[in-house]
N, C-alpha and C. Protein backbone atom coordinates (compact mmCIF):
# COMPACT_ATOMS: atom_id res chain seq x y z
N UNK A 1 0.28 1.08 1.45
CA UNK A 1 -0.79 2.03 2.25
C UNK A 1 -0.04 3.45 2.98
N UNK A 2 -0.40 4.69 2.53
CA UNK A 2 -0.09 5.79 3.31
C UNK A 2 -0.95 5.98 4.25
N UNK A 3 -0.55 6.48 5.39
CA UNK A 3 -1.14 7.09 6.52
C UNK A 3 -1.21 8.55 6.43
N UNK A 4 -2.72 8.92 6.16
CA UNK A 4 -2.68 10.20 5.95
C UNK A 4 -2.75 11.07 7.22
N UNK A 5 -1.82 12.06 7.44
CA UNK A 5 -2.04 12.98 9.18
C UNK A 5 -3.81 13.48 9.11
N UNK A 6 -4.27 13.30 10.01
CA UNK A 6 -5.51 14.00 10.17
C UNK A 6 -5.75 15.32 9.58
N UNK A 7 -6.82 15.60 8.71
CA UNK A 7 -6.77 16.76 7.95
C UNK A 7 -6.28 17.13 6.66
N UNK A 8 -5.63 16.30 6.31
CA UNK A 8 -4.91 16.29 5.06
C UNK A 8 -5.84 15.94 3.90
N UNK A 9 -6.68 14.96 4.16
CA UNK A 9 -7.48 14.61 2.85
C UNK A 9 -8.49 15.56 2.69
N UNK A 10 -8.86 15.99 3.75
CA UNK A 10 -9.76 17.23 3.78
C UNK A 10 -9.39 18.41 3.17
N UNK A 11 -7.82 18.86 3.40
CA UNK A 11 -7.35 19.81 2.69
C UNK A 11 -7.19 19.37 1.52
N UNK A 12 -6.87 18.29 1.09
CA UNK A 12 -6.48 18.04 -0.21
C UNK A 12 -7.98 18.09 -1.31
N UNK A 13 -9.03 17.54 -0.62
CA UNK A 13 -10.35 17.77 -1.45
C UNK A 13 -10.49 18.98 -1.47
N UNK A 14 -10.49 19.96 -0.59
CA UNK A 14 -10.72 21.39 -0.62
C UNK A 14 -9.95 22.10 -1.75
N UNK A 15 -8.78 21.82 -1.70
CA UNK A 15 -7.94 22.23 -3.08
C UNK A 15 -8.23 21.90 -4.41
N UNK A 16 -8.77 20.70 -4.39
CA UNK A 16 -9.36 20.22 -5.82
C UNK A 16 -10.79 20.69 -6.27
N UNK A 17 -11.53 21.40 -5.05
CA UNK A 17 -12.96 22.04 -5.38
C UNK A 17 -12.33 23.51 -5.31
N UNK A 18 -11.49 24.19 -5.08
CA UNK A 18 -11.01 25.37 -5.25
C UNK A 18 -10.72 25.46 -6.70
N UNK A 19 -9.85 24.58 -7.17
CA UNK A 19 -9.55 24.68 -8.68
C UNK A 19 -10.56 24.35 -9.63
N UNK A 20 -11.81 24.32 -9.52
CA UNK A 20 -12.79 23.88 -10.33
C UNK A 20 -12.90 25.42 -11.09
N UNK A 21 -12.91 25.18 -12.15
CA UNK A 21 -13.31 24.28 -13.23
C UNK A 21 -11.96 23.79 -13.90
N UNK A 22 -10.92 23.90 -13.08
CA UNK A 22 -9.56 23.44 -13.59
C UNK A 22 -9.33 22.21 -12.94
N UNK A 23 -8.35 21.53 -13.27
CA UNK A 23 -7.91 20.19 -12.63
C UNK A 23 -7.15 21.08 -11.49
N UNK A 24 -6.77 20.03 -10.63
CA UNK A 24 -5.57 20.27 -9.61
C UNK A 24 -4.90 19.26 -9.64
N UNK A 25 -3.42 19.24 -8.95
CA UNK A 25 -2.56 18.60 -9.11
C UNK A 25 -1.41 19.00 -8.23
N UNK A 26 -0.91 17.97 -8.08
CA UNK A 26 0.42 18.13 -7.01
C UNK A 26 1.26 17.07 -6.49
N UNK A 27 1.93 17.43 -5.05
CA UNK A 27 2.59 16.43 -4.69
C UNK A 27 2.40 16.15 -3.42
N UNK A 28 2.18 14.93 -2.48
CA UNK A 28 2.05 14.61 -1.43
C UNK A 28 3.40 14.13 -0.40
N UNK A 29 3.63 14.77 0.24
CA UNK A 29 5.23 14.70 0.92
C UNK A 29 4.92 14.01 2.66
N UNK A 30 5.81 13.76 3.19
CA UNK A 30 5.87 13.66 4.62
C UNK A 30 6.99 13.03 4.93
N UNK A 31 7.46 12.66 6.36
CA UNK A 31 8.49 12.69 6.95
C UNK A 31 9.08 11.12 6.61
N UNK A 32 8.12 9.98 5.97
CA UNK A 32 8.27 8.71 5.35
C UNK A 32 7.61 8.52 4.39
N UNK A 33 7.72 7.64 3.50
CA UNK A 33 6.75 7.39 2.47
C UNK A 33 5.45 6.70 2.71
N UNK A 34 5.37 6.62 3.75
CA UNK A 34 4.04 5.87 4.50
C UNK A 34 3.34 7.05 5.04
N UNK A 35 3.84 8.26 5.45
CA UNK A 35 3.05 9.18 6.03
C UNK A 35 3.00 10.17 5.33
N UNK A 36 1.59 10.82 4.77
CA UNK A 36 1.33 12.13 4.15
C UNK A 36 0.98 13.04 5.26
N UNK A 37 2.02 14.02 5.06
CA UNK A 37 1.70 15.51 5.96
C UNK A 37 1.73 16.62 5.39
N UNK A 38 1.74 16.75 4.21
CA UNK A 38 1.82 18.06 3.54
C UNK A 38 1.66 17.89 2.10
N UNK A 39 1.04 19.01 1.54
CA UNK A 39 0.38 19.03 0.02
C UNK A 39 1.27 20.43 -0.42
N UNK A 40 1.71 19.73 -1.66
CA UNK A 40 2.21 21.09 -2.71
C UNK A 40 1.60 20.73 -3.96
N UNK A 41 0.80 21.86 -3.92
CA UNK A 41 0.01 21.94 -5.02
C UNK A 41 0.86 22.38 -6.28
N UNK A 42 0.53 22.01 -7.49
CA UNK A 42 1.17 22.66 -8.60
C UNK A 42 0.40 23.46 -9.57
N UNK A 43 0.96 24.42 -10.07
CA UNK A 43 -0.17 25.37 -10.73
C UNK A 43 0.10 25.21 -12.29
N UNK A 44 1.06 25.39 -13.04
CA UNK A 44 1.42 25.56 -14.34
C UNK A 44 1.23 24.10 -15.20
N UNK A 45 0.13 24.32 -16.03
CA UNK A 45 -0.10 23.26 -16.75
C UNK A 45 0.47 23.70 -18.32
N UNK A 46 1.36 23.06 -18.51
CA UNK A 46 1.97 22.98 -19.92
C UNK A 46 1.05 22.89 -21.17
N UNK A 47 0.39 22.10 -20.87
CA UNK A 47 -0.69 21.12 -22.07
C UNK A 47 -1.59 22.40 -23.02
N UNK A 48 -1.93 23.36 -22.34
CA UNK A 48 -2.51 24.41 -23.06
C UNK A 48 -1.57 25.17 -24.18
N UNK A 49 -0.29 24.99 -23.60
CA UNK A 49 0.43 26.25 -24.04
C UNK A 49 1.34 25.50 -25.25
N UNK A 50 1.48 24.03 -25.44
CA UNK A 50 2.40 23.51 -26.14
C UNK A 50 1.90 22.30 -27.00
N UNK A 51 1.87 22.98 -28.39
CA UNK A 51 0.83 22.05 -29.47
C UNK A 51 1.60 20.42 -29.30
N UNK A 52 2.52 20.07 -29.23
CA UNK A 52 2.90 18.62 -29.28
C UNK A 52 2.59 18.25 -28.00
N UNK A 53 2.51 18.64 -27.07
CA UNK A 53 1.85 18.27 -25.64
C UNK A 53 0.51 17.76 -25.54
N UNK A 54 -0.24 19.03 -26.49
CA UNK A 54 -1.81 18.74 -26.70
C UNK A 54 -2.08 17.87 -27.85
N UNK A 55 -1.36 17.92 -28.69
CA UNK A 55 -1.57 16.69 -29.74
C UNK A 55 -1.33 15.22 -29.36
N UNK A 56 -0.28 15.00 -28.11
CA UNK A 56 -0.23 13.78 -27.68
C UNK A 56 -1.56 13.36 -26.91
N UNK A 57 -2.31 14.33 -26.14
CA UNK A 57 -3.31 13.63 -25.44
C UNK A 57 -4.52 13.89 -26.47
N UNK A 58 -4.47 14.25 -27.47
CA UNK A 58 -5.81 14.12 -28.22
C UNK A 58 -5.68 12.63 -28.82
N UNK A 59 -4.41 12.15 -28.84
CA UNK A 59 -4.37 10.88 -29.39
C UNK A 59 -5.31 9.76 -28.85
N UNK A 60 -5.82 10.15 -27.23
CA UNK A 60 -6.31 9.43 -26.53
C UNK A 60 -7.71 9.26 -26.78
N UNK A 61 -8.09 10.03 -27.64
CA UNK A 61 -9.93 9.87 -27.83
C UNK A 61 -10.09 11.68 -27.80
N UNK A 62 -11.55 11.63 -28.43
CA UNK A 62 -12.08 13.03 -28.27
C UNK A 62 -12.39 13.41 -26.88
N UNK A 63 -12.50 13.00 -25.86
CA UNK A 63 -12.68 13.25 -24.33
C UNK A 63 -11.43 14.26 -24.32
N UNK A 64 -10.04 14.03 -24.82
CA UNK A 64 -9.21 14.81 -24.56
C UNK A 64 -8.73 16.02 -25.33
N UNK A 65 -9.67 16.08 -26.20
CA UNK A 65 -9.57 17.47 -27.20
C UNK A 65 -9.83 18.54 -26.58
N UNK A 66 -10.14 18.71 -25.25
CA UNK A 66 -10.44 19.90 -24.58
C UNK A 66 -8.98 20.27 -23.80
N UNK A 67 -8.28 21.22 -23.83
CA UNK A 67 -7.31 21.31 -23.47
C UNK A 67 -7.02 21.28 -22.12
N UNK A 68 -8.13 21.72 -21.44
CA UNK A 68 -8.21 21.65 -20.06
C UNK A 68 -8.18 20.24 -19.19
N UNK A 69 -8.36 19.13 -20.28
CA UNK A 69 -8.53 18.01 -19.90
C UNK A 69 -7.09 17.14 -20.03
N UNK A 70 -6.42 16.93 -18.96
CA UNK A 70 -5.36 16.27 -18.80
C UNK A 70 -4.06 17.43 -18.37
N UNK A 71 -3.00 17.23 -18.08
CA UNK A 71 -2.26 18.26 -17.43
C UNK A 71 -0.84 17.64 -17.78
N UNK A 72 0.21 18.40 -18.04
CA UNK A 72 1.66 18.19 -18.14
C UNK A 72 2.33 19.27 -17.16
N UNK A 73 3.32 18.70 -16.13
CA UNK A 73 3.45 19.42 -15.28
C UNK A 73 4.85 20.64 -15.68
N UNK A 74 4.79 21.82 -15.35
CA UNK A 74 6.11 22.18 -15.84
C UNK A 74 7.28 21.79 -14.84
N UNK A 75 8.30 21.56 -15.53
CA UNK A 75 9.56 20.83 -14.59
C UNK A 75 10.36 21.76 -14.00
N UNK A 76 10.30 23.33 -14.04
CA UNK A 76 10.91 24.16 -13.29
C UNK A 76 10.10 24.21 -11.93
N UNK A 77 9.00 24.29 -12.08
CA UNK A 77 8.10 24.40 -11.09
C UNK A 77 8.18 22.90 -10.08
N UNK A 78 8.02 21.80 -10.63
CA UNK A 78 8.11 20.58 -10.01
C UNK A 78 9.51 20.45 -9.44
N UNK A 79 10.68 21.02 -9.92
CA UNK A 79 11.93 20.93 -9.20
C UNK A 79 12.00 21.95 -8.36
N UNK A 80 11.59 23.00 -8.10
CA UNK A 80 11.38 23.82 -6.92
C UNK A 80 10.42 23.10 -5.93
N UNK A 81 9.48 22.39 -5.90
CA UNK A 81 8.82 21.80 -5.15
C UNK A 81 9.61 20.23 -4.39
N UNK A 82 10.12 19.70 -5.45
CA UNK A 82 11.43 18.79 -4.95
C UNK A 82 12.47 19.06 -4.10
N UNK A 83 12.76 20.46 -4.31
CA UNK A 83 13.69 20.87 -3.25
C UNK A 83 13.21 21.12 -2.14
N UNK A 84 12.19 21.82 -2.01
CA UNK A 84 11.39 22.32 -1.02
C UNK A 84 11.16 20.97 -0.11
N UNK A 85 10.55 20.00 -0.54
CA UNK A 85 10.14 18.58 0.26
C UNK A 85 11.80 18.39 0.55
N UNK A 86 13.02 18.35 -0.13
CA UNK A 86 14.26 17.71 0.38
C UNK A 86 14.85 18.47 1.30
N UNK A 87 14.85 20.14 1.54
CA UNK A 87 15.33 20.84 2.46
C UNK A 87 14.14 20.54 3.77
N UNK A 88 13.41 20.27 3.63
CA UNK A 88 12.41 19.97 4.86
C UNK A 88 12.68 18.43 5.51
N UNK A 89 13.65 17.95 4.89
CA UNK A 89 13.71 16.34 5.30
C UNK A 89 12.61 15.52 4.92
N UNK A 90 11.98 15.82 4.10
CA UNK A 90 10.55 14.88 3.61
C UNK A 90 10.82 14.03 2.58
N UNK A 91 10.01 13.15 2.33
CA UNK A 91 10.11 12.22 1.12
C UNK A 91 8.79 12.68 0.25
N UNK A 92 8.89 12.09 -1.25
CA UNK A 92 7.47 12.07 -1.70
C UNK A 92 6.68 11.32 -1.45
N UNK A 93 5.60 10.97 -1.13
CA UNK A 93 4.50 9.87 -0.65
C UNK A 93 3.93 9.56 -1.87
N UNK A 94 3.17 10.28 -2.65
CA UNK A 94 2.37 10.34 -3.71
C UNK A 94 2.21 11.58 -4.88
N UNK A 95 1.66 11.29 -5.73
CA UNK A 95 1.23 12.41 -6.40
C UNK A 95 0.05 12.54 -6.83
N UNK A 96 -0.88 13.66 -6.77
CA UNK A 96 -2.35 13.73 -6.76
C UNK A 96 -2.94 14.40 -7.99
N UNK A 97 -4.43 14.13 -8.45
CA UNK A 97 -4.66 15.06 -9.24
C UNK A 97 -6.12 14.88 -9.08
N UNK A 98 -6.86 15.81 -9.89
CA UNK A 98 -8.41 15.75 -9.63
C UNK A 98 -9.12 15.17 -10.91
N UNK A 99 -10.06 14.69 -11.32
CA UNK A 99 -10.87 13.93 -12.20
C UNK A 99 -12.26 14.85 -11.84
N UNK A 100 -12.44 15.92 -13.03
CA UNK A 100 -13.76 16.74 -12.88
C UNK A 100 -14.96 15.95 -13.50
N UNK A 101 -14.81 15.16 -14.50
CA UNK A 101 -15.93 14.37 -15.11
C UNK A 101 -15.78 12.71 -14.90
N UNK A 102 -14.64 12.41 -14.14
CA UNK A 102 -14.67 10.88 -14.14
C UNK A 102 -14.69 10.38 -13.08
N UNK A 103 -14.66 9.30 -12.50
CA UNK A 103 -14.66 8.67 -11.18
C UNK A 103 -13.28 8.55 -10.77
N UNK A 104 -13.05 8.51 -9.76
CA UNK A 104 -11.45 8.15 -8.97
C UNK A 104 -11.02 6.80 -9.52
N UNK A 105 -10.62 6.57 -10.46
CA UNK A 105 -10.05 5.50 -10.86
C UNK A 105 -9.18 6.22 -12.20
N UNK A 106 -7.83 5.39 -12.11
CA UNK A 106 -6.84 5.78 -13.02
C UNK A 106 -7.45 5.72 -14.48
N UNK A 107 -7.28 6.78 -15.49
CA UNK A 107 -7.30 6.56 -16.76
C UNK A 107 -6.49 5.87 -17.35
N UNK A 108 -6.49 5.73 -18.91
CA UNK A 108 -5.61 5.21 -19.62
C UNK A 108 -4.34 6.34 -19.79
N UNK A 109 -4.65 7.42 -19.63
CA UNK A 109 -3.69 8.42 -19.89
C UNK A 109 -2.85 8.32 -18.52
N UNK A 110 -3.58 8.42 -17.49
CA UNK A 110 -2.81 8.28 -15.83
C UNK A 110 -1.87 7.22 -15.72
N UNK A 111 -2.40 5.97 -16.60
CA UNK A 111 -1.53 5.03 -16.34
C UNK A 111 -0.55 5.16 -17.33
N UNK A 112 -0.68 5.41 -18.51
CA UNK A 112 0.52 5.77 -19.52
C UNK A 112 1.68 6.59 -18.76
N UNK A 113 1.27 7.75 -18.61
CA UNK A 113 2.07 8.87 -17.91
C UNK A 113 2.43 8.69 -16.47
N UNK A 114 2.42 7.91 -15.67
CA UNK A 114 2.93 7.76 -14.41
C UNK A 114 4.05 7.63 -14.38
N UNK A 115 5.19 8.28 -13.85
CA UNK A 115 6.30 8.19 -13.90
C UNK A 115 7.03 7.32 -13.02
N UNK A 116 6.53 6.81 -12.04
CA UNK A 116 7.36 6.01 -11.03
C UNK A 116 6.38 4.94 -10.63
N UNK A 117 6.62 3.77 -10.61
CA UNK A 117 5.74 2.71 -9.95
C UNK A 117 6.10 2.68 -8.58
N UNK A 118 6.96 3.26 -8.07
CA UNK A 118 7.01 3.20 -6.73
C UNK A 118 6.30 4.39 -6.04
N UNK A 119 5.95 5.29 -6.36
CA UNK A 119 5.19 6.54 -6.07
C UNK A 119 3.50 6.48 -6.29
N UNK A 120 3.06 6.35 -5.09
CA UNK A 120 1.60 6.36 -5.28
C UNK A 120 0.77 7.52 -5.61
N UNK A 121 -0.39 7.15 -6.40
CA UNK A 121 -1.25 7.96 -7.17
C UNK A 121 -2.77 8.21 -6.19
N UNK A 122 -2.98 9.46 -5.87
CA UNK A 122 -4.31 9.77 -5.06
C UNK A 122 -5.06 10.50 -6.30
N UNK A 123 -6.37 10.08 -6.40
CA UNK A 123 -7.17 10.46 -7.40
C UNK A 123 -8.35 11.19 -6.68
N UNK A 124 -8.74 12.38 -7.04
CA UNK A 124 -9.57 13.17 -6.40
C UNK A 124 -10.95 13.07 -7.22
N UNK A 125 -12.29 12.57 -7.36
CA UNK A 125 -12.97 12.78 -8.19
C UNK A 125 -14.20 13.62 -7.77
N UNK A 126 -14.28 14.45 -8.64
CA UNK A 126 -15.22 16.10 -8.43
C UNK A 126 -16.57 15.76 -9.17
N UNK A 127 -16.92 14.39 -9.67
CA UNK A 127 -18.06 14.38 -10.98
C UNK A 127 -19.09 14.91 -10.32
N UNK A 128 -19.09 14.53 -9.00
CA UNK A 128 -20.22 15.28 -8.12
C UNK A 128 -19.64 16.29 -7.20
N UNK A 129 -19.30 17.38 -7.44
CA UNK A 129 -18.52 18.24 -6.40
C UNK A 129 -18.71 18.12 -4.98
N UNK A 130 -20.17 18.20 -4.85
CA UNK A 130 -20.47 18.07 -3.37
C UNK A 130 -20.35 16.59 -2.65
N UNK A 131 -19.99 15.57 -3.21
CA UNK A 131 -20.00 14.22 -2.80
C UNK A 131 -18.45 13.72 -3.43
N UNK A 132 -17.20 14.26 -3.23
CA UNK A 132 -15.94 14.05 -3.65
C UNK A 132 -15.61 12.33 -3.30
N UNK A 133 -15.00 11.86 -4.04
CA UNK A 133 -14.46 10.68 -3.88
C UNK A 133 -12.77 10.61 -3.95
N UNK A 134 -12.50 10.09 -3.06
CA UNK A 134 -10.67 10.16 -2.92
C UNK A 134 -10.25 8.46 -2.98
N UNK A 135 -9.45 8.21 -4.00
CA UNK A 135 -9.12 6.95 -4.00
C UNK A 135 -7.49 6.89 -3.95
N UNK A 136 -6.60 5.87 -3.67
CA UNK A 136 -5.15 5.76 -3.63
C UNK A 136 -4.89 4.37 -4.56
N UNK A 137 -3.88 4.47 -5.36
CA UNK A 137 -3.23 3.59 -6.43
C UNK A 137 -1.96 3.22 -6.55
N UNK A 138 -1.53 2.09 -6.69
CA UNK A 138 -0.19 1.87 -7.30
C UNK A 138 -0.27 1.37 -8.51
N UNK A 139 0.24 2.33 -9.46
CA UNK A 139 0.21 2.25 -10.77
C UNK A 139 1.39 1.48 -11.47
N UNK A 140 1.24 0.35 -12.41
CA UNK A 140 2.30 -0.37 -13.15
C UNK A 140 2.39 0.16 -14.41
N UNK A 141 3.07 -0.43 -15.05
CA UNK A 141 3.49 0.06 -16.53
C UNK A 141 2.09 -0.19 -17.32
N UNK A 142 1.17 -1.10 -17.16
CA UNK A 142 -0.38 -1.40 -17.96
C UNK A 142 -1.34 -1.70 -17.00
N UNK A 143 -1.11 -1.25 -15.89
CA UNK A 143 -2.27 -1.80 -14.96
C UNK A 143 -2.18 -0.73 -13.51
N UNK A 144 -3.15 -1.05 -12.97
CA UNK A 144 -3.41 -0.29 -11.40
C UNK A 144 -3.89 -1.25 -10.40
N UNK A 145 -3.54 -1.17 -9.07
CA UNK A 145 -4.27 -1.86 -7.61
C UNK A 145 -4.55 -0.67 -6.66
N UNK A 146 -5.69 -0.63 -6.43
CA UNK A 146 -6.23 0.07 -5.14
C UNK A 146 -5.22 -0.29 -4.23
N UNK A 147 -4.90 1.03 -3.20
CA UNK A 147 -4.53 0.62 -2.18
C UNK A 147 -5.45 1.37 -0.90
N UNK A 148 -5.57 0.80 0.21
CA UNK A 148 -6.33 1.41 0.93
C UNK A 148 -5.98 2.75 1.81
N UNK A 149 -6.78 3.86 1.93
CA UNK A 149 -6.22 4.74 2.52
C UNK A 149 -6.56 4.74 4.08
N UNK A 150 -5.29 5.15 4.91
CA UNK A 150 -5.66 4.94 6.08
C UNK A 150 -5.55 6.49 6.86
N UNK A 151 -6.28 6.74 7.52
CA UNK A 151 -6.13 8.28 8.44
C UNK A 151 -5.28 7.68 9.56
N UNK A 152 -4.36 8.64 9.90
CA UNK A 152 -3.33 8.51 11.04
C UNK A 152 -4.20 8.78 12.30
N UNK A 153 -4.40 8.05 13.27
CA UNK A 153 -5.24 8.38 14.51
C UNK A 153 -4.12 9.30 15.63
N UNK A 154 -4.25 9.82 16.58
CA UNK A 154 -3.33 10.63 17.49
C UNK A 154 -2.31 9.62 17.96
N UNK A 155 -2.28 8.17 18.22
CA UNK A 155 -1.19 7.74 18.76
C UNK A 155 -0.11 7.36 17.43
N UNK A 156 -0.89 7.46 16.13
CA UNK A 156 0.17 6.94 15.28
C UNK A 156 0.62 8.27 14.71
N UNK A 157 0.52 9.33 15.16
CA UNK A 157 1.17 10.59 14.69
C UNK A 157 2.07 10.96 15.53
N UNK A 158 2.23 10.57 16.75
CA UNK A 158 3.18 11.00 17.74
C UNK A 158 4.26 9.79 18.09
N UNK A 159 5.29 10.10 16.89
CA UNK A 159 6.35 9.20 17.02
C UNK A 159 7.58 9.98 16.80
């Protein structure tokens, strides 16, 4: 379970809404693996730029034939974010991304491409942009399990 610092989920939803009609994705970090305190949005999606990556997504079916469905993070950008997190003495808590057409449940692509079973995934569904849905998951090699989202109250923040 992640304890989200008050206001972080609202900020996350706002980032995802502002990204529309594109996907939003990035890293959530904090002082420990259980405290979400800061968001690090990523901007560069290599999928539309690389035919090999694009072809891999298309193997998941017609839905993924649109080049803006699915994302592949640019390595140098991710390394820069990871350096920022390390310099601030933070840890990666989770990765996040938005679903613009689907509910907030991991797709097969999400499961197959999830890079670390110890890092949680937060999905923001904007299938109805006015009623966003935010859910958190532990993703394994072939499955996922929902994890309860907790908002840290004033006492939980002061440590």
